[in-house]
């Protein structure tokens, strides 16, 4: 299944100046743009229940629950036995002697 996509409705374009209106973009990208805007840009507002409001956006493809396959893969990789959660192997030249 392809990546979930978001389509910003024209009437809400002024709320999201970094997102092109009436174009399908990857929803994950749209989410990051909105997070950045709310932290550093204008206009700012309080989010209700979802960062990408279904009243402002249309969605297609992917997982409608909001979990991308990449997120699931990261969770699976980091939860493998013998590897600390969120960790990665660290080696140095000193360890090789």
PDB file of N, CA and C in Angstrom:
ATOM      1  N   UNK A   1       0.854  -1.182   0.000  1.00  0.00           N
ATOM      2  CA  UNK A   1       0.000   0.000   0.000  1.00  0.00           C
ATOM      3  C   UNK A   1       0.893   1.236   0.000  1.00  0.00           C
ATOM      4  N   UNK A   2       0.510   2.266  -0.755  1.00  0.00           N
ATOM      5  CA  UNK A   2       1.288   3.491  -0.855  1.00  0.00           C
ATOM      6  C   UNK A   2       1.200   4.327   0.411  1.00  0.00           C
ATOM      7  N   UNK A   3       2.013   5.359   0.437  1.00  0.00           N
ATOM      8  CA  UNK A   3       2.016   6.271   1.584  1.00  0.00           C
ATOM      9  C   UNK A   3       0.694   7.024   1.655  1.00  0.00           C
ATOM     10  N   UNK A   4       0.274   7.315   2.846  1.00  0.00           N
ATOM     11  CA  UNK A   4      -0.935   8.113   3.051  1.00  0.00           C
ATOM     12  C   UNK A   4      -0.669   9.516   2.519  1.00  0.00           C
ATOM     13  N   UNK A   5      -1.658  10.078   1.830  1.00  0.00           N
ATOM     14  CA  UNK A   5      -1.512  11.404   1.259  1.00  0.00           C
ATOM     15  C   UNK A   5      -2.582  12.346   1.793  1.00  0.00           C
ATOM     16  N   UNK A   6      -2.228  13.623   1.816  1.00  0.00           N
ATOM     17  CA  UNK A   6      -3.143  14.668   2.276  1.00  0.00           C
ATOM     18  C   UNK A   6      -3.316  15.705   1.174  1.00  0.00           C
ATOM     19  N   UNK A   7      -4.517  16.250   1.100  1.00  0.00           N
ATOM     20  CA  UNK A   7      -4.880  17.254   0.098  1.00  0.00           C
ATOM     21  C   UNK A   7      -5.479  18.433   0.848  1.00  0.00           C
ATOM     22  N   UNK A   8      -4.787  19.566   0.844  1.00  0.00           N
ATOM     23  CA  UNK A   8      -5.268  20.752   1.541  1.00  0.00           C
ATOM     24  C   UNK A   8      -6.352  21.430   0.716  1.00  0.00           C
ATOM     25  N   UNK A   9      -7.510  21.615   1.325  1.00  0.00           N
ATOM     26  CA  UNK A   9      -8.619  22.281   0.646  1.00  0.00           C
ATOM     27  C   UNK A   9      -8.293  23.771   0.462  1.00  0.00           C
ATOM     28  N   UNK A  10      -8.659  24.301  -0.683  1.00  0.00           N
ATOM     29  CA  UNK A  10      -8.331  25.680  -1.046  1.00  0.00           C
ATOM     30  C   UNK A  10      -8.779  26.690   0.013  1.00  0.00           C
ATOM     31  N   UNK A  11      -9.962  26.502   0.567  1.00  0.00           N
ATOM     32  CA  UNK A  11     -10.491  27.487   1.522  1.00  0.00           C
ATOM     33  C   UNK A  11      -9.687  27.576   2.820  1.00  0.00           C
ATOM     34  N   UNK A  12      -8.787  26.609   3.065  1.00  0.00           N
ATOM     35  CA  UNK A  12      -7.950  26.633   4.270  1.00  0.00           C
ATOM     36  C   UNK A  12      -6.480  26.895   3.946  1.00  0.00           C
ATOM     37  N   UNK A  13      -6.177  27.261   2.719  1.00  0.00           N
ATOM     38  CA  UNK A  13      -4.786  27.458   2.295  1.00  0.00           C
ATOM     39  C   UNK A  13      -4.063  28.510   3.133  1.00  0.00           C
ATOM     40  N   UNK A  14      -4.744  29.567   3.535  1.00  0.00           N
ATOM     41  CA  UNK A  14      -4.083  30.634   4.292  1.00  0.00           C
ATOM     42  C   UNK A  14      -3.642  30.165   5.679  1.00  0.00           C
ATOM     43  N   UNK A  15      -4.253  29.096   6.200  1.00  0.00           N
ATOM     44  CA  UNK A  15      -3.842  28.547   7.496  1.00  0.00           C
ATOM     45  C   UNK A  15      -2.488  27.857   7.393  1.00  0.00           C
ATOM     46  N   UNK A  16      -2.166  27.346   6.227  1.00  0.00           N
ATOM     47  CA  UNK A  16      -0.991  26.489   6.032  1.00  0.00           C
ATOM     48  C   UNK A  16      -0.129  27.018   4.880  1.00  0.00           C
ATOM     49  N   UNK A  17       0.595  28.112   5.063  1.00  0.00           N
ATOM     50  CA  UNK A  17       1.329  28.723   3.948  1.00  0.00           C
ATOM     51  C   UNK A  17       2.434  27.838   3.360  1.00  0.00           C
ATOM     52  N   UNK A  18       2.944  26.877   4.094  1.00  0.00           N
ATOM     53  CA  UNK A  18       4.020  26.014   3.590  1.00  0.00           C
ATOM     54  C   UNK A  18       3.498  24.804   2.810  1.00  0.00           C
ATOM     55  N   UNK A  19       2.193  24.593   2.820  1.00  0.00           N
ATOM     56  CA  UNK A  19       1.607  23.425   2.150  1.00  0.00           C
ATOM     57  C   UNK A  19       0.867  23.885   0.905  1.00  0.00           C
ATOM     58  N   UNK A  20       1.196  23.295  -0.246  1.00  0.00           N
ATOM     59  CA  UNK A  20       0.486  23.688  -1.464  1.00  0.00           C
ATOM     60  C   UNK A  20      -0.978  23.245  -1.411  1.00  0.00           C
ATOM     61  N   UNK A  21      -1.871  24.175  -1.697  1.00  0.00           N
ATOM     62  CA  UNK A  21      -3.303  23.856  -1.699  1.00  0.00           C
ATOM     63  C   UNK A  21      -3.656  23.100  -2.969  1.00  0.00           C
ATOM     64  N   UNK A  22      -4.640  22.234  -2.837  1.00  0.00           N
ATOM     65  CA  UNK A  22      -5.197  21.470  -3.948  1.00  0.00           C
ATOM     66  C   UNK A  22      -4.165  20.608  -4.662  1.00  0.00           C
ATOM     67  N   UNK A  23      -3.213  20.070  -3.898  1.00  0.00           N
ATOM     68  CA  UNK A  23      -2.234  19.117  -4.418  1.00  0.00           C
ATOM     69  C   UNK A  23      -2.088  17.989  -3.400  1.00  0.00           C
ATOM     70  N   UNK A  24      -1.952  16.774  -3.887  1.00  0.00           N
ATOM     71  CA  UNK A  24      -1.719  15.640  -2.999  1.00  0.00           C
ATOM     72  C   UNK A  24      -0.248  15.620  -2.604  1.00  0.00           C
ATOM     73  N   UNK A  25       0.021  15.595  -1.288  1.00  0.00           N
ATOM     74  CA  UNK A  25       1.388  15.437  -0.787  1.00  0.00           C
ATOM     75  C   UNK A  25       1.374  14.345   0.270  1.00  0.00           C
ATOM     76  N   UNK A  26       2.524  13.801   0.579  1.00  0.00           N
ATOM     77  CA  UNK A  26       2.621  12.759   1.592  1.00  0.00           C
ATOM     78  C   UNK A  26       2.152  13.331   2.927  1.00  0.00           C
ATOM     79  N   UNK A  27       1.227  12.658   3.575  1.00  0.00           N
ATOM     80  CA  UNK A  27       0.635  13.149   4.827  1.00  0.00           C
ATOM     81  C   UNK A  27       1.684  13.337   5.917  1.00  0.00           C
ATOM     82  N   UNK A  28       2.674  12.472   5.944  1.00  0.00           N
ATOM     83  CA  UNK A  28       3.745  12.589   6.937  1.00  0.00           C
ATOM     84  C   UNK A  28       4.486  13.920   6.752  1.00  0.00           C
ATOM     85  N   UNK A  29       4.719  14.302   5.518  1.00  0.00           N
ATOM     86  CA  UNK A  29       5.373  15.580   5.220  1.00  0.00           C
ATOM     87  C   UNK A  29       4.480  16.738   5.647  1.00  0.00           C
ATOM     88  N   UNK A  30       3.194  16.661   5.334  1.00  0.00           N
ATOM     89  CA  UNK A  30       2.252  17.705   5.730  1.00  0.00           C
ATOM     90  C   UNK A  30       2.230  17.854   7.247  1.00  0.00           C
ATOM     91  N   UNK A  31       2.253  16.749   7.945  1.00  0.00           N
ATOM     92  CA  UNK A  31       2.231  16.783   9.412  1.00  0.00           C
ATOM     93  C   UNK A  31       3.460  17.509   9.953  1.00  0.00           C
ATOM     94  N   UNK A  32       4.638  17.205   9.395  1.00  0.00           N
ATOM     95  CA  UNK A  32       5.860  17.873   9.850  1.00  0.00           C
ATOM     96  C   UNK A  32       5.833  19.364   9.536  1.00  0.00           C
ATOM     97  N   UNK A  33       5.305  19.733   8.381  1.00  0.00           N
ATOM     98  CA  UNK A  33       5.194  21.152   8.032  1.00  0.00           C
ATOM     99  C   UNK A  33       4.285  21.892   9.004  1.00  0.00           C
ATOM    100  N   UNK A  34       3.178  21.263   9.385  1.00  0.00           N
ATOM    101  CA  UNK A  34       2.257  21.896  10.336  1.00  0.00           C
ATOM    102  C   UNK A  34       2.910  21.983  11.717  1.00  0.00           C
ATOM    103  N   UNK A  35       3.595  20.933  12.145  1.00  0.00           N
ATOM    104  CA  UNK A  35       4.293  20.987  13.440  1.00  0.00           C
ATOM    105  C   UNK A  35       5.310  22.121  13.465  1.00  0.00           C
ATOM    106  N   UNK A  36       6.086  22.263  12.392  1.00  0.00           N
ATOM    107  CA  UNK A  36       7.086  23.326  12.305  1.00  0.00           C
ATOM    108  C   UNK A  36       6.415  24.693  12.346  1.00  0.00           C
ATOM    109  N   UNK A  37       5.339  24.843  11.586  1.00  0.00           N
ATOM    110  CA  UNK A  37       4.610  26.109  11.561  1.00  0.00           C
ATOM    111  C   UNK A  37       4.096  26.478  12.946  1.00  0.00           C
ATOM    112  N   UNK A  38       3.519  25.530  13.641  1.00  0.00           N
ATOM    113  CA  UNK A  38       2.960  25.817  14.963  1.00  0.00           C
ATOM    114  C   UNK A  38       4.048  26.167  15.975  1.00  0.00           C
ATOM    115  N   UNK A  39       5.231  25.659  15.765  1.00  0.00           N
ATOM    116  CA  UNK A  39       6.331  25.938  16.687  1.00  0.00           C
ATOM    117  C   UNK A  39       7.048  27.246  16.350  1.00  0.00           C
ATOM    118  N   UNK A  40       7.239  27.519  15.050  1.00  0.00           N
ATOM    119  CA  UNK A  40       8.081  28.644  14.653  1.00  0.00           C
ATOM    120  C   UNK A  40       7.409  29.685  13.756  1.00  0.00           C
ATOM    121  N   UNK A  41       6.302  29.348  13.104  1.00  0.00           N
ATOM    122  CA  UNK A  41       5.743  30.237  12.097  1.00  0.00           C
ATOM    123  C   UNK A  41       4.410  30.849  12.466  1.00  0.00           C
ATOM    124  N   UNK A  42       3.750  31.355  11.464  1.00  0.00           N
ATOM    125  CA  UNK A  42       2.437  31.977  11.600  1.00  0.00           C
ATOM    126  C   UNK A  42       1.545  31.456  10.482  1.00  0.00           C
ATOM    127  N   UNK A  43       0.260  31.408  10.638  1.00  0.00           N
ATOM    128  CA  UNK A  43      -0.474  31.653  11.879  1.00  0.00           C
ATOM    129  C   UNK A  43      -0.360  30.460  12.823  1.00  0.00           C
ATOM    130  N   UNK A  44      -0.625  30.700  14.081  1.00  0.00           N
ATOM    131  CA  UNK A  44      -0.601  29.645  15.099  1.00  0.00           C
ATOM    132  C   UNK A  44      -2.023  29.462  15.624  1.00  0.00           C
ATOM    133  N   UNK A  45      -2.304  28.271  16.091  1.00  0.00           N
ATOM    134  CA  UNK A  45      -3.615  27.954  16.640  1.00  0.00           C
ATOM    135  C   UNK A  45      -3.460  26.748  17.563  1.00  0.00           C
ATOM    136  N   UNK A  46      -4.489  26.465  18.302  1.00  0.00           N
ATOM    137  CA  UNK A  46      -4.537  25.287  19.168  1.00  0.00           C
ATOM    138  C   UNK A  46      -5.132  24.140  18.378  1.00  0.00           C
ATOM    139  N   UNK A  47      -4.467  23.004  18.400  1.00  0.00           N
ATOM    140  CA  UNK A  47      -4.984  21.818  17.710  1.00  0.00           C
ATOM    141  C   UNK A  47      -6.088  21.188  18.536  1.00  0.00           C
ATOM    142  N   UNK A  48      -7.120  20.759  17.867  1.00  0.00           N
ATOM    143  CA  UNK A  48      -8.216  20.072  18.545  1.00  0.00           C
ATOM    144  C   UNK A  48      -7.786  18.635  18.811  1.00  0.00           C
ATOM    145  N   UNK A  49      -8.225  17.718  18.004  1.00  0.00           N
ATOM    146  CA  UNK A  49      -7.891  16.317  18.235  1.00  0.00           C
ATOM    147  C   UNK A  49      -6.816  15.812  17.282  1.00  0.00           C
ATOM    148  N   UNK A  50      -6.743  16.391  16.071  1.00  0.00           N
ATOM    149  CA  UNK A  50      -5.770  15.932  15.076  1.00  0.00           C
ATOM    150  C   UNK A  50      -5.010  17.121  14.515  1.00  0.00           C
ATOM    151  N   UNK A  51      -3.730  16.915  14.273  1.00  0.00           N
ATOM    152  CA  UNK A  51      -2.900  17.974  13.711  1.00  0.00           C
ATOM    153  C   UNK A  51      -3.354  18.335  12.298  1.00  0.00           C
ATOM    154  N   UNK A  52      -3.671  17.316  11.500  1.00  0.00           N
ATOM    155  CA  UNK A  52      -4.212  17.546  10.160  1.00  0.00           C
ATOM    156  C   UNK A  52      -5.724  17.376  10.242  1.00  0.00           C
ATOM    157  N   UNK A  53      -6.409  18.467  10.428  1.00  0.00           N
ATOM    158  CA  UNK A  53      -7.856  18.467  10.634  1.00  0.00           C
ATOM    159  C   UNK A  53      -8.583  17.949   9.390  1.00  0.00           C
ATOM    160  N   UNK A  54      -9.428  16.919   9.547  1.00  0.00           N
ATOM    161  CA  UNK A  54     -10.177  16.379   8.405  1.00  0.00           C
ATOM    162  C   UNK A  54     -11.121  17.399   7.763  1.00  0.00           C
ATOM    163  N   UNK A  55     -11.434  18.465   8.455  1.00  0.00           N
ATOM    164  CA  UNK A  55     -12.240  19.518   7.859  1.00  0.00           C
ATOM    165  C   UNK A  55     -11.403  20.337   6.861  1.00  0.00           C
ATOM    166  N   UNK A  56     -10.092  20.386   7.087  1.00  0.00           N
ATOM    167  CA  UNK A  56      -9.191  21.175   6.252  1.00  0.00           C
ATOM    168  C   UNK A  56      -8.524  20.344   5.152  1.00  0.00           C
ATOM    169  N   UNK A  57      -8.411  19.033   5.380  1.00  0.00           N
ATOM    170  CA  UNK A  57      -7.691  18.148   4.468  1.00  0.00           C
ATOM    171  C   UNK A  57      -8.564  16.982   4.025  1.00  0.00           C
ATOM    172  N   UNK A  58      -8.259  16.467   2.833  1.00  0.00           N
ATOM    173  CA  UNK A  58      -8.788  15.180   2.378  1.00  0.00           C
ATOM    174  C   UNK A  58      -7.618  14.212   2.445  1.00  0.00           C
ATOM    175  N   UNK A  59      -7.908  12.929   2.590  1.00  0.00           N
ATOM    176  CA  UNK A  59      -6.856  11.919   2.711  1.00  0.00           C
ATOM    177  C   UNK A  59      -7.136  10.760   1.770  1.00  0.00           C
ATOM    178  N   UNK A  60      -6.038  10.111   1.352  1.00  0.00           N
ATOM    179  CA  UNK A  60      -6.183   8.901   0.544  1.00  0.00           C
ATOM    180  C   UNK A  60      -4.968   8.011   0.771  1.00  0.00           C
ATOM    181  N   UNK A  61      -5.189   6.707   0.547  1.00  0.00           N
ATOM    182  CA  UNK A  61      -4.105   5.734   0.637  1.00  0.00           C
ATOM    183  C   UNK A  61      -3.628   5.489   2.050  1.00  0.00           C
ATOM    184  N   UNK A  62      -2.604   4.650   2.155  1.00  0.00           N
ATOM    185  CA  UNK A  62      -1.963   4.383   3.438  1.00  0.00           C
ATOM    186  C   UNK A  62      -2.899   3.841   4.487  1.00  0.00           C
ATOM    187  N   UNK A  63      -2.491   3.984   5.720  1.00  0.00           N
ATOM    188  CA  UNK A  63      -3.235   3.506   6.882  1.00  0.00           C
ATOM    189  C   UNK A  63      -4.045   4.656   7.464  1.00  0.00           C
ATOM    190  N   UNK A  64      -5.367   4.589   7.418  1.00  0.00           N
ATOM    191  CA  UNK A  64      -6.173   5.681   7.948  1.00  0.00           C
ATOM    192  C   UNK A  64      -6.017   5.875   9.451  1.00  0.00           C
ATOM    193  N   UNK A  65      -5.441   4.895  10.148  1.00  0.00           N
ATOM    194  CA  UNK A  65      -5.212   5.022  11.586  1.00  0.00           C
ATOM    195  C   UNK A  65      -4.049   5.925  11.931  1.00  0.00           C
ATOM    196  N   UNK A  66      -3.298   6.358  10.900  1.00  0.00           N
ATOM    197  CA  UNK A  66      -2.225   7.296  11.145  1.00  0.00           C
ATOM    198  C   UNK A  66      -0.855   6.676  11.341  1.00  0.00           C
ATOM    199  N   UNK A  67      -0.756   5.345  11.370  1.00  0.00           N
ATOM    200  CA  UNK A  67       0.533   4.700  11.543  1.00  0.00           C
ATOM    201  C   UNK A  67       1.060   4.297  10.180  1.00  0.00           C
ATOM    202  N   UNK A  68       2.179   4.885   9.800  1.00  0.00           N
ATOM    203  CA  UNK A  68       2.750   4.554   8.504  1.00  0.00           C
ATOM    204  C   UNK A  68       3.521   3.252   8.597  1.00  0.00           C
ATOM    205  N   UNK A  69       3.746   2.638   7.459  1.00  0.00           N
ATOM    206  CA  UNK A  69       4.517   1.403   7.450  1.00  0.00           C
ATOM    207  C   UNK A  69       5.939   1.669   7.930  1.00  0.00           C
ATOM    208  N   UNK A  70       6.481   2.866   7.667  1.00  0.00           N
ATOM    209  CA  UNK A  70       7.825   3.210   8.147  1.00  0.00           C
ATOM    210  C   UNK A  70       7.850   3.251   9.667  1.00  0.00           C
ATOM    211  N   UNK A  71       6.796   3.782  10.270  1.00  0.00           N
ATOM    212  CA  UNK A  71       6.719   3.811  11.733  1.00  0.00           C
ATOM    213  C   UNK A  71       6.693   2.397  12.276  1.00  0.00           C
ATOM    214  N   UNK A  72       5.912   1.550  11.671  1.00  0.00           N
ATOM    215  CA  UNK A  72       5.833   0.168  12.125  1.00  0.00           C
ATOM    216  C   UNK A  72       7.179  -0.534  11.963  1.00  0.00           C
ATOM    217  N   UNK A  73       7.890  -0.274  10.858  1.00  0.00           N
ATOM    218  CA  UNK A  73       9.201  -0.888  10.658  1.00  0.00           C
ATOM    219  C   UNK A  73      10.187  -0.420  11.717  1.00  0.00           C
ATOM    220  N   UNK A  74      10.195   0.882  12.030  1.00  0.00           N
ATOM    221  CA  UNK A  74      11.101   1.389  13.071  1.00  0.00           C
ATOM    222  C   UNK A  74      10.797   0.736  14.406  1.00  0.00           C
ATOM    223  N   UNK A  75       9.525   0.619  14.743  1.00  0.00           N
ATOM    224  CA  UNK A  75       9.141   0.008  16.014  1.00  0.00           C
ATOM    225  C   UNK A  75       9.612  -1.442  16.061  1.00  0.00           C
ATOM    226  N   UNK A  76       9.454  -2.144  14.941  1.00  0.00           N
ATOM    227  CA  UNK A  76       9.867  -3.544  14.878  1.00  0.00           C
ATOM    228  C   UNK A  76      11.380  -3.671  15.022  1.00  0.00           C
ATOM    229  N   UNK A  77      12.136  -2.832  14.351  1.00  0.00           N
ATOM    230  CA  UNK A  77      13.600  -2.884  14.419  1.00  0.00           C
ATOM    231  C   UNK A  77      14.082  -2.611  15.828  1.00  0.00           C
ATOM    232  N   UNK A  78      13.537  -1.596  16.480  1.00  0.00           N
ATOM    233  CA  UNK A  78      14.002  -1.209  17.805  1.00  0.00           C
ATOM    234  C   UNK A  78      13.530  -2.134  18.916  1.00  0.00           C
ATOM    235  N   UNK A  79      12.570  -2.981  18.643  1.00  0.00           N
ATOM    236  CA  UNK A  79      12.087  -3.887  19.678  1.00  0.00           C
ATOM    237  C   UNK A  79      12.646  -5.296  19.528  1.00  0.00           C
ATOM    238  N   UNK A  80      13.605  -5.489  18.626  1.00  0.00           N
ATOM    239  CA  UNK A  80      14.204  -6.809  18.457  1.00  0.00           C
ATOM    240  C   UNK A  80      14.970  -7.206  19.709  1.00  0.00           C
ATOM    241  N   UNK A  81      14.952  -8.505  20.064  1.00  0.00           N
ATOM    242  CA  UNK A  81      15.685  -8.963  21.239  1.00  0.00           C
ATOM    243  C   UNK A  81      17.178  -8.676  21.080  1.00  0.00           C
ATOM    244  N   UNK A  82      17.815  -8.320  22.190  1.00  0.00           N
ATOM    245  CA  UNK A  82      19.246  -8.082  22.196  1.00  0.00           C
ATOM    246  C   UNK A  82      19.636  -6.682  21.776  1.00  0.00           C
ATOM    247  N   UNK A  83      18.684  -5.859  21.498  1.00  0.00           N
ATOM    248  CA  UNK A  83      18.992  -4.486  21.104  1.00  0.00           C
ATOM    249  C   UNK A  83      18.173  -3.547  21.976  1.00  0.00           C
ATOM    250  N   UNK A  84      18.823  -2.597  22.640  1.00  0.00           N
ATOM    251  CA  UNK A  84      18.074  -1.666  23.481  1.00  0.00           C
ATOM    252  C   UNK A  84      17.092  -0.851  22.639  1.00  0.00           C
ATOM    253  N   UNK A  85      15.967  -0.542  23.206  1.00  0.00           N
ATOM    254  CA  UNK A  85      14.956   0.231  22.507  1.00  0.00           C
ATOM    255  C   UNK A  85      15.521   1.585  22.110  1.00  0.00           C
ATOM    256  N   UNK A  86      15.412   1.892  20.815  1.00  0.00           N
ATOM    257  CA  UNK A  86      15.882   3.173  20.319  1.00  0.00           C
ATOM    258  C   UNK A  86      17.383   3.253  20.172  1.00  0.00           C
ATOM    259  N   UNK A  87      18.102   2.199  20.539  1.00  0.00           N
ATOM    260  CA  UNK A  87      19.555   2.239  20.498  1.00  0.00           C
ATOM    261  C   UNK A  87      20.112   1.757  19.188  1.00  0.00           C
ATOM    262  N   UNK A  88      21.390   1.965  19.015  1.00  0.00           N
ATOM    263  CA  UNK A  88      22.077   1.438  17.849  1.00  0.00           C
ATOM    264  C   UNK A  88      23.455   0.985  18.279  1.00  0.00           C
ATOM    265  N   UNK A  89      24.011   0.098  17.508  1.00  0.00           N
ATOM    266  CA  UNK A  89      25.322  -0.428  17.830  1.00  0.00           C
ATOM    267  C   UNK A  89      26.366   0.670  17.694  1.00  0.00           C
ATOM    268  N   UNK A  90      27.241   0.772  18.688  1.00  0.00           N
ATOM    269  CA  UNK A  90      28.309   1.760  18.667  1.00  0.00           C
ATOM    270  C   UNK A  90      29.616   1.008  18.769  1.00  0.00           C
ATOM    271  N   UNK A  91      30.511   1.269  17.833  1.00  0.00           N
ATOM    272  CA  UNK A  91      31.826   0.630  17.872  1.00  0.00           C
ATOM    273  C   UNK A  91      32.888   1.686  17.732  1.00  0.00           C
ATOM    274  N   UNK A  92      34.040   1.387  18.237  1.00  0.00           N
ATOM    275  CA  UNK A  92      35.187   2.290  18.088  1.00  0.00           C
ATOM    276  C   UNK A  92      36.387   1.444  17.721  1.00  0.00           C
ATOM    277  N   UNK A  93      37.439   2.095  17.262  1.00  0.00           N
ATOM    278  CA  UNK A  93      38.667   1.371  16.904  1.00  0.00           C
ATOM    279  C   UNK A  93      39.269   0.675  18.128  1.00  0.00           C
ATOM    280  N   UNK A  94      39.070   1.236  19.324  1.00  0.00           N
ATOM    281  CA  UNK A  94      39.607   0.636  20.545  1.00  0.00           C
ATOM    282  C   UNK A  94      38.940  -0.692  20.845  1.00  0.00           C
ATOM    283  N   UNK A  95      37.670  -0.837  20.496  1.00  0.00           N
ATOM    284  CA  UNK A  95      36.946  -2.086  20.764  1.00  0.00           C
ATOM    285  C   UNK A  95      37.455  -3.232  19.907  1.00  0.00           C
ATOM    286  N   UNK A  96      38.112  -2.920  18.785  1.00  0.00           N
ATOM    287  CA  UNK A  96      38.542  -3.939  17.862  1.00  0.00           C
ATOM    288  C   UNK A  96      39.884  -4.559  18.270  1.00  0.00           C
ATOM    289  N   UNK A  97      40.620  -4.006  19.232  1.00  0.00           N
ATOM    290  CA  UNK A  97      41.924  -4.563  19.610  1.00  0.00           C
ATOM    291  C   UNK A  97      41.828  -5.636  20.644  1.00  0.00           C
TER     292      UNK A  97
END
